[in-house]
């Protein structure tokens, strides 16, 4: 049997990012038995790529018990720290093991830039690192020309149009690479270092990108590659 339980006594740190002071939770010792989660990932043969999204790798869905605990343990933070006025319901809409293994030369242009998961203001992302720091954590960004840090529905059209123009002008498709540090289009505001059994929670409309270390070879083997669990939580 695998132990999917989360640690009720995990160490929680709070960070505010950028001009908009966007909230970020950093949680260490997140799961009670993180090695069981790695073992559940197996040899990676049951992971699948989904061309309908832009994740640069493959996923394997986690049992509902894992995602249910995310809501149970961290629901109080949505009112207290995230200042989300809630009627008392949090719902996990996805939890999946993920391994980033797409080679840089195979990236699509959208995968080379910071992104959001949704413009919705009531969705939060959770990244649970099951790899060492050398595989890279997660960084958060401001788009320079628009000064956008969080892409709301009201900002989406103008922001997306401007980014498309800039990406074409910079011909980013000719030099495919993972986002790293700041560049002419985006300023890095904050970066979280990956740590085995660390997790972070942040608004899904906050511009972010994984710090993918291609120098390690991007292994598709869960015990060797950049293994994480990605989850999304809706708060009503």
C-alpha atoms as a PDB file:
ATOM      1  CA  UNK A   1       0.000   0.000   0.000  1.00  0.00           C
ATOM      2  CA  UNK A   2       1.146   3.523  -0.820  1.00  0.00           C
ATOM      3  CA  UNK A   3       0.824   6.288   1.748  1.00  0.00           C
ATOM      4  CA  UNK A   4      -0.618   9.365  -0.011  1.00  0.00           C
ATOM      5  CA  UNK A   5      -1.272  11.334   3.177  1.00  0.00           C
ATOM      6  CA  UNK A   6      -0.115  14.929   3.675  1.00  0.00           C
ATOM      7  CA  UNK A   7       1.731  16.186   6.714  1.00  0.00           C
ATOM      8  CA  UNK A   8      -0.551  18.197   9.012  1.00  0.00           C
ATOM      9  CA  UNK A   9       2.546  19.693  10.688  1.00  0.00           C
ATOM     10  CA  UNK A  10       4.367  20.833   7.550  1.00  0.00           C
ATOM     11  CA  UNK A  11       6.433  24.031   7.680  1.00  0.00           C
ATOM     12  CA  UNK A  12       4.635  26.862   5.875  1.00  0.00           C
ATOM     13  CA  UNK A  13       6.285  30.110   4.711  1.00  0.00           C
ATOM     14  CA  UNK A  14       4.516  33.067   3.123  1.00  0.00           C
ATOM     15  CA  UNK A  15       5.879  35.318   0.355  1.00  0.00           C
ATOM     16  CA  UNK A  16       4.406  38.310  -1.493  1.00  0.00           C
ATOM     17  CA  UNK A  17       5.621  38.718  -5.081  1.00  0.00           C
ATOM     18  CA  UNK A  18       6.056  41.785  -7.261  1.00  0.00           C
ATOM     19  CA  UNK A  19       4.282  45.136  -7.367  1.00  0.00           C
ATOM     20  CA  UNK A  20       0.923  43.377  -7.102  1.00  0.00           C
ATOM     21  CA  UNK A  21       2.073  41.572  -3.955  1.00  0.00           C
ATOM     22  CA  UNK A  22       0.754  38.246  -5.229  1.00  0.00           C
ATOM     23  CA  UNK A  23       0.630  35.564  -2.512  1.00  0.00           C
ATOM     24  CA  UNK A  24       2.791  32.447  -2.547  1.00  0.00           C
ATOM     25  CA  UNK A  25       2.934  29.643   0.029  1.00  0.00           C
ATOM     26  CA  UNK A  26       6.113  27.562   0.322  1.00  0.00           C
ATOM     27  CA  UNK A  27       5.547  24.326   2.263  1.00  0.00           C
ATOM     28  CA  UNK A  28       8.326  21.982   3.359  1.00  0.00           C
ATOM     29  CA  UNK A  29       7.828  18.363   4.486  1.00  0.00           C
ATOM     30  CA  UNK A  30       4.582  18.405   2.520  1.00  0.00           C
ATOM     31  CA  UNK A  31       3.796  14.662   2.415  1.00  0.00           C
ATOM     32  CA  UNK A  32       4.225  12.087   5.153  1.00  0.00           C
ATOM     33  CA  UNK A  33       5.778   9.484   2.855  1.00  0.00           C
ATOM     34  CA  UNK A  34       7.198  11.221  -0.241  1.00  0.00           C
ATOM     35  CA  UNK A  35       9.160   8.145  -1.297  1.00  0.00           C
ATOM     36  CA  UNK A  36       5.847   6.291  -1.623  1.00  0.00           C
ATOM     37  CA  UNK A  37       4.738   8.933  -4.127  1.00  0.00           C
ATOM     38  CA  UNK A  38       7.908   8.389  -6.141  1.00  0.00           C
ATOM     39  CA  UNK A  39       7.346   4.628  -6.012  1.00  0.00           C
ATOM     40  CA  UNK A  40       3.751   5.148  -7.208  1.00  0.00           C
ATOM     41  CA  UNK A  41       5.152   6.925 -10.266  1.00  0.00           C
ATOM     42  CA  UNK A  42       6.792   3.614 -11.203  1.00  0.00           C
ATOM     43  CA  UNK A  43       9.046   3.488 -14.227  1.00  0.00           C
ATOM     44  CA  UNK A  44       7.133   6.190 -16.115  1.00  0.00           C
ATOM     45  CA  UNK A  45       5.510   3.773 -18.552  1.00  0.00           C
ATOM     46  CA  UNK A  46       1.992   4.830 -17.493  1.00  0.00           C
ATOM     47  CA  UNK A  47       2.684   8.542 -17.995  1.00  0.00           C
ATOM     48  CA  UNK A  48       1.022  10.129 -21.026  1.00  0.00           C
ATOM     49  CA  UNK A  49       1.552  13.361 -22.964  1.00  0.00           C
ATOM     50  CA  UNK A  50      -1.468  15.575 -23.669  1.00  0.00           C
ATOM     51  CA  UNK A  51      -1.200  17.699 -26.803  1.00  0.00           C
ATOM     52  CA  UNK A  52      -4.197  19.745 -25.653  1.00  0.00           C
ATOM     53  CA  UNK A  53      -2.083  21.553 -23.056  1.00  0.00           C
ATOM     54  CA  UNK A  54       1.379  23.068 -22.990  1.00  0.00           C
ATOM     55  CA  UNK A  55       3.014  21.049 -20.230  1.00  0.00           C
ATOM     56  CA  UNK A  56       6.434  20.031 -21.625  1.00  0.00           C
ATOM     57  CA  UNK A  57       6.252  16.394 -20.656  1.00  0.00           C
ATOM     58  CA  UNK A  58       3.968  13.583 -19.504  1.00  0.00           C
ATOM     59  CA  UNK A  59       1.503  13.031 -16.648  1.00  0.00           C
ATOM     60  CA  UNK A  60      -0.086  10.302 -14.558  1.00  0.00           C
ATOM     61  CA  UNK A  61      -3.248  11.065 -12.569  1.00  0.00           C
ATOM     62  CA  UNK A  62      -3.038  10.831  -8.776  1.00  0.00           C
ATOM     63  CA  UNK A  63      -5.715   9.154  -6.599  1.00  0.00           C
ATOM     64  CA  UNK A  64      -8.489  11.490  -5.444  1.00  0.00           C
ATOM     65  CA  UNK A  65      -7.435  11.000  -1.813  1.00  0.00           C
ATOM     66  CA  UNK A  66      -4.287  13.050  -2.424  1.00  0.00           C
ATOM     67  CA  UNK A  67      -6.124  16.013  -3.949  1.00  0.00           C
ATOM     68  CA  UNK A  68      -8.896  15.912  -1.344  1.00  0.00           C
ATOM     69  CA  UNK A  69      -6.297  16.478   1.357  1.00  0.00           C
ATOM     70  CA  UNK A  70      -4.989  19.582  -0.406  1.00  0.00           C
ATOM     71  CA  UNK A  71      -8.363  21.197   0.129  1.00  0.00           C
ATOM     72  CA  UNK A  72      -8.724  19.879   3.670  1.00  0.00           C
ATOM     73  CA  UNK A  73      -5.302  20.960   4.942  1.00  0.00           C
ATOM     74  CA  UNK A  74      -4.909  24.264   3.108  1.00  0.00           C
ATOM     75  CA  UNK A  75      -8.443  25.622   2.846  1.00  0.00           C
ATOM     76  CA  UNK A  76      -7.937  28.043   5.813  1.00  0.00           C
ATOM     77  CA  UNK A  77      -5.082  29.737   3.928  1.00  0.00           C
ATOM     78  CA  UNK A  78      -7.361  30.833   1.093  1.00  0.00           C
ATOM     79  CA  UNK A  79      -9.271  33.198   3.362  1.00  0.00           C
ATOM     80  CA  UNK A  80      -6.409  34.143   5.675  1.00  0.00           C
ATOM     81  CA  UNK A  81      -3.365  34.534   3.417  1.00  0.00           C
ATOM     82  CA  UNK A  82      -4.737  34.583  -0.125  1.00  0.00           C
ATOM     83  CA  UNK A  83      -7.553  36.876   1.065  1.00  0.00           C
ATOM     84  CA  UNK A  84     -10.029  35.016  -1.078  1.00  0.00           C
ATOM     85  CA  UNK A  85     -13.556  35.644   0.188  1.00  0.00           C
ATOM     86  CA  UNK A  86     -15.034  32.180   0.125  1.00  0.00           C
ATOM     87  CA  UNK A  87     -18.403  30.636   0.873  1.00  0.00           C
ATOM     88  CA  UNK A  88     -16.644  27.613   2.287  1.00  0.00           C
ATOM     89  CA  UNK A  89     -15.841  25.291  -0.598  1.00  0.00           C
ATOM     90  CA  UNK A  90     -12.571  24.259  -2.227  1.00  0.00           C
ATOM     91  CA  UNK A  91     -12.505  21.682  -5.009  1.00  0.00           C
ATOM     92  CA  UNK A  92      -9.444  20.022  -6.521  1.00  0.00           C
ATOM     93  CA  UNK A  93      -9.980  19.758 -10.277  1.00  0.00           C
ATOM     94  CA  UNK A  94      -6.758  17.866 -11.036  1.00  0.00           C
ATOM     95  CA  UNK A  95      -3.774  16.256  -9.357  1.00  0.00           C
ATOM     96  CA  UNK A  96      -1.250  14.466 -11.517  1.00  0.00           C
ATOM     97  CA  UNK A  97       2.327  13.292 -11.354  1.00  0.00           C
ATOM     98  CA  UNK A  98       4.326  15.065 -14.029  1.00  0.00           C
ATOM     99  CA  UNK A  99       7.760  14.610 -15.506  1.00  0.00           C
ATOM    100  CA  UNK A 100       9.292  17.312 -17.701  1.00  0.00           C
ATOM    101  CA  UNK A 101      11.123  15.513 -20.484  1.00  0.00           C
ATOM    102  CA  UNK A 102      10.566  17.546 -23.662  1.00  0.00           C
ATOM    103  CA  UNK A 103      13.878  18.478 -25.254  1.00  0.00           C
ATOM    104  CA  UNK A 104      14.389  22.203 -25.786  1.00  0.00           C
ATOM    105  CA  UNK A 105      14.566  21.835 -29.565  1.00  0.00           C
ATOM    106  CA  UNK A 106      11.068  20.290 -29.546  1.00  0.00           C
ATOM    107  CA  UNK A 107       9.378  23.074 -27.583  1.00  0.00           C
ATOM    108  CA  UNK A 108       6.479  24.997 -29.070  1.00  0.00           C
ATOM    109  CA  UNK A 109       6.794  28.816 -28.851  1.00  0.00           C
ATOM    110  CA  UNK A 110       4.240  29.022 -26.018  1.00  0.00           C
ATOM    111  CA  UNK A 111       6.391  26.631 -23.984  1.00  0.00           C
ATOM    112  CA  UNK A 112       9.350  28.994 -24.178  1.00  0.00           C
ATOM    113  CA  UNK A 113       7.585  31.812 -22.298  1.00  0.00           C
ATOM    114  CA  UNK A 114       6.110  32.345 -18.838  1.00  0.00           C
ATOM    115  CA  UNK A 115       2.452  31.354 -18.797  1.00  0.00           C
ATOM    116  CA  UNK A 116      -0.708  31.235 -16.728  1.00  0.00           C
ATOM    117  CA  UNK A 117      -2.970  28.239 -16.172  1.00  0.00           C
ATOM    118  CA  UNK A 118      -6.208  30.242 -16.390  1.00  0.00           C
ATOM    119  CA  UNK A 119      -7.303  33.890 -16.099  1.00  0.00           C
ATOM    120  CA  UNK A 120      -9.838  32.846 -13.433  1.00  0.00           C
ATOM    121  CA  UNK A 121      -9.230  34.578 -10.125  1.00  0.00           C
ATOM    122  CA  UNK A 122     -10.546  31.718  -7.995  1.00  0.00           C
ATOM    123  CA  UNK A 123      -8.147  28.998  -9.129  1.00  0.00           C
ATOM    124  CA  UNK A 124      -4.863  28.131  -7.412  1.00  0.00           C
ATOM    125  CA  UNK A 125      -1.975  25.956  -8.544  1.00  0.00           C
ATOM    126  CA  UNK A 126      -0.027  23.528  -6.363  1.00  0.00           C
ATOM    127  CA  UNK A 127       3.390  22.159  -7.350  1.00  0.00           C
ATOM    128  CA  UNK A 128       4.799  19.369  -5.179  1.00  0.00           C
ATOM    129  CA  UNK A 129       8.476  18.678  -5.912  1.00  0.00           C
ATOM    130  CA  UNK A 130       9.578  15.051  -5.805  1.00  0.00           C
ATOM    131  CA  UNK A 131      13.046  15.754  -7.159  1.00  0.00           C
ATOM    132  CA  UNK A 132      16.273  17.354  -5.977  1.00  0.00           C
ATOM    133  CA  UNK A 133      17.042  21.072  -6.308  1.00  0.00           C
ATOM    134  CA  UNK A 134      19.309  20.456  -9.317  1.00  0.00           C
ATOM    135  CA  UNK A 135      16.220  19.790 -11.454  1.00  0.00           C
ATOM    136  CA  UNK A 136      14.949  23.337 -10.956  1.00  0.00           C
ATOM    137  CA  UNK A 137      12.042  24.958  -9.150  1.00  0.00           C
ATOM    138  CA  UNK A 138       9.544  27.561 -10.333  1.00  0.00           C
ATOM    139  CA  UNK A 139       9.961  31.254 -11.178  1.00  0.00           C
ATOM    140  CA  UNK A 140       7.458  34.120 -11.396  1.00  0.00           C
ATOM    141  CA  UNK A 141       7.521  36.998 -13.863  1.00  0.00           C
ATOM    142  CA  UNK A 142       6.361  40.457 -14.948  1.00  0.00           C
ATOM    143  CA  UNK A 143       5.793  41.177 -18.631  1.00  0.00           C
ATOM    144  CA  UNK A 144       7.933  44.255 -19.246  1.00  0.00           C
ATOM    145  CA  UNK A 145       5.975  46.234 -21.849  1.00  0.00           C
ATOM    146  CA  UNK A 146       2.542  45.814 -20.221  1.00  0.00           C
ATOM    147  CA  UNK A 147       3.751  45.512 -16.577  1.00  0.00           C
ATOM    148  CA  UNK A 148       1.355  42.560 -16.198  1.00  0.00           C
ATOM    149  CA  UNK A 149       2.107  40.075 -13.407  1.00  0.00           C
ATOM    150  CA  UNK A 150      -1.319  38.442 -13.081  1.00  0.00           C
ATOM    151  CA  UNK A 151      -3.352  37.914 -16.249  1.00  0.00           C
ATOM    152  CA  UNK A 152      -7.024  38.448 -15.421  1.00  0.00           C
ATOM    153  CA  UNK A 153      -9.848  38.010 -17.923  1.00  0.00           C
ATOM    154  CA  UNK A 154      -9.942  41.796 -18.385  1.00  0.00           C
ATOM    155  CA  UNK A 155      -6.228  41.908 -19.277  1.00  0.00           C
ATOM    156  CA  UNK A 156      -6.085  38.720 -21.322  1.00  0.00           C
ATOM    157  CA  UNK A 157      -6.779  39.967 -24.857  1.00  0.00           C
ATOM    158  CA  UNK A 158      -4.398  42.929 -24.811  1.00  0.00           C
ATOM    159  CA  UNK A 159      -1.707  40.960 -22.994  1.00  0.00           C
ATOM    160  CA  UNK A 160      -1.885  37.964 -25.347  1.00  0.00           C
ATOM    161  CA  UNK A 161      -1.850  40.196 -28.430  1.00  0.00           C
ATOM    162  CA  UNK A 162       1.233  42.063 -27.235  1.00  0.00           C
ATOM    163  CA  UNK A 163       3.119  38.895 -26.295  1.00  0.00           C
ATOM    164  CA  UNK A 164       2.372  37.358 -29.698  1.00  0.00           C
ATOM    165  CA  UNK A 165       3.734  40.436 -31.469  1.00  0.00           C
ATOM    166  CA  UNK A 166       6.880  40.427 -29.353  1.00  0.00           C
ATOM    167  CA  UNK A 167       7.467  36.699 -29.771  1.00  0.00           C
ATOM    168  CA  UNK A 168       7.216  37.043 -33.532  1.00  0.00           C
ATOM    169  CA  UNK A 169       9.478  40.108 -33.579  1.00  0.00           C
ATOM    170  CA  UNK A 170      12.072  38.281 -31.482  1.00  0.00           C
ATOM    171  CA  UNK A 171      11.705  35.116 -33.625  1.00  0.00           C
ATOM    172  CA  UNK A 172      11.859  32.947 -30.532  1.00  0.00           C
ATOM    173  CA  UNK A 173      11.071  29.853 -32.606  1.00  0.00           C
ATOM    174  CA  UNK A 174      14.554  30.090 -34.133  1.00  0.00           C
ATOM    175  CA  UNK A 175      16.244  29.645 -30.770  1.00  0.00           C
ATOM    176  CA  UNK A 176      14.093  27.208 -28.786  1.00  0.00           C
ATOM    177  CA  UNK A 177      14.905  27.115 -25.086  1.00  0.00           C
ATOM    178  CA  UNK A 178      13.257  26.915 -21.689  1.00  0.00           C
ATOM    179  CA  UNK A 179      12.599  30.195 -19.903  1.00  0.00           C
ATOM    180  CA  UNK A 180      15.385  31.006 -17.490  1.00  0.00           C
ATOM    181  CA  UNK A 181      16.062  34.218 -15.587  1.00  0.00           C
ATOM    182  CA  UNK A 182      14.996  37.548 -17.145  1.00  0.00           C
ATOM    183  CA  UNK A 183      15.036  38.493 -20.818  1.00  0.00           C
ATOM    184  CA  UNK A 184      13.934  41.397 -23.053  1.00  0.00           C
ATOM    185  CA  UNK A 185      10.270  40.412 -22.735  1.00  0.00           C
ATOM    186  CA  UNK A 186       9.952  39.297 -19.113  1.00  0.00           C
ATOM    187  CA  UNK A 187      11.480  40.235 -15.766  1.00  0.00           C
ATOM    188  CA  UNK A 188      11.895  37.480 -13.203  1.00  0.00           C
ATOM    189  CA  UNK A 189      10.384  38.600  -9.894  1.00  0.00           C
ATOM    190  CA  UNK A 190      10.985  35.606  -7.658  1.00  0.00           C
ATOM    191  CA  UNK A 191      12.253  32.052  -7.913  1.00  0.00           C
ATOM    192  CA  UNK A 192      11.536  29.075  -5.661  1.00  0.00           C
ATOM    193  CA  UNK A 193      14.270  26.457  -5.398  1.00  0.00           C
ATOM    194  CA  UNK A 194      13.074  22.887  -5.826  1.00  0.00           C
ATOM    195  CA  UNK A 195      13.540  20.690  -2.783  1.00  0.00           C
ATOM    196  CA  UNK A 196      12.454  17.105  -2.311  1.00  0.00           C
ATOM    197  CA  UNK A 197       9.004  17.091  -0.639  1.00  0.00           C
ATOM    198  CA  UNK A 198       8.559  20.868  -0.905  1.00  0.00           C
ATOM    199  CA  UNK A 199       5.319  22.286  -2.336  1.00  0.00           C
ATOM    200  CA  UNK A 200       4.174  25.727  -3.416  1.00  0.00           C
ATOM    201  CA  UNK A 201       0.668  27.199  -3.811  1.00  0.00           C
ATOM    202  CA  UNK A 202      -0.024  30.340  -5.865  1.00  0.00           C
ATOM    203  CA  UNK A 203      -2.788  31.956  -7.970  1.00  0.00           C
ATOM    204  CA  UNK A 204      -3.140  30.219 -11.336  1.00  0.00           C
ATOM    205  CA  UNK A 205      -3.211  33.540 -13.210  1.00  0.00           C
ATOM    206  CA  UNK A 206       0.232  34.573 -11.936  1.00  0.00           C
ATOM    207  CA  UNK A 207       2.848  34.471 -14.722  1.00  0.00           C
ATOM    208  CA  UNK A 208       5.218  31.611 -14.007  1.00  0.00           C
ATOM    209  CA  UNK A 209       7.546  29.062 -15.562  1.00  0.00           C
ATOM    210  CA  UNK A 210       9.331  25.949 -14.427  1.00  0.00           C
ATOM    211  CA  UNK A 211      13.093  26.312 -14.094  1.00  0.00           C
ATOM    212  CA  UNK A 212      13.936  23.305 -16.245  1.00  0.00           C
ATOM    213  CA  UNK A 213      17.583  22.240 -16.081  1.00  0.00           C
ATOM    214  CA  UNK A 214      18.278  20.733 -19.494  1.00  0.00           C
ATOM    215  CA  UNK A 215      21.898  20.039 -18.523  1.00  0.00           C
ATOM    216  CA  UNK A 216      20.676  17.023 -16.526  1.00  0.00           C
ATOM    217  CA  UNK A 217      19.328  15.381 -19.661  1.00  0.00           C
ATOM    218  CA  UNK A 218      15.543  15.558 -18.975  1.00  0.00           C
ATOM    219  CA  UNK A 219      15.152  11.906 -18.071  1.00  0.00           C
ATOM    220  CA  UNK A 220      11.739  10.261 -18.528  1.00  0.00           C
ATOM    221  CA  UNK A 221      12.473   8.004 -15.548  1.00  0.00           C
ATOM    222  CA  UNK A 222      10.619   9.355 -12.475  1.00  0.00           C
ATOM    223  CA  UNK A 223      13.441   8.521 -10.058  1.00  0.00           C
ATOM    224  CA  UNK A 224      15.970  10.351 -12.219  1.00  0.00           C
ATOM    225  CA  UNK A 225      14.039  13.206 -13.823  1.00  0.00           C
ATOM    226  CA  UNK A 226      12.168  16.346 -12.772  1.00  0.00           C
ATOM    227  CA  UNK A 227       9.240  14.660 -11.046  1.00  0.00           C
ATOM    228  CA  UNK A 228       6.479  16.815  -9.558  1.00  0.00           C
ATOM    229  CA  UNK A 229       2.788  16.594  -8.716  1.00  0.00           C
ATOM    230  CA  UNK A 230       0.752  19.424 -10.212  1.00  0.00           C
ATOM    231  CA  UNK A 231      -2.712  20.209  -8.847  1.00  0.00           C
ATOM    232  CA  UNK A 232      -5.384  22.867  -9.348  1.00  0.00           C
ATOM    233  CA  UNK A 233      -7.855  24.002  -6.709  1.00  0.00           C
ATOM    234  CA  UNK A 234     -11.029  26.019  -7.291  1.00  0.00           C
ATOM    235  CA  UNK A 235     -12.228  28.087  -4.347  1.00  0.00           C
ATOM    236  CA  UNK A 236     -15.853  29.274  -4.262  1.00  0.00           C
END
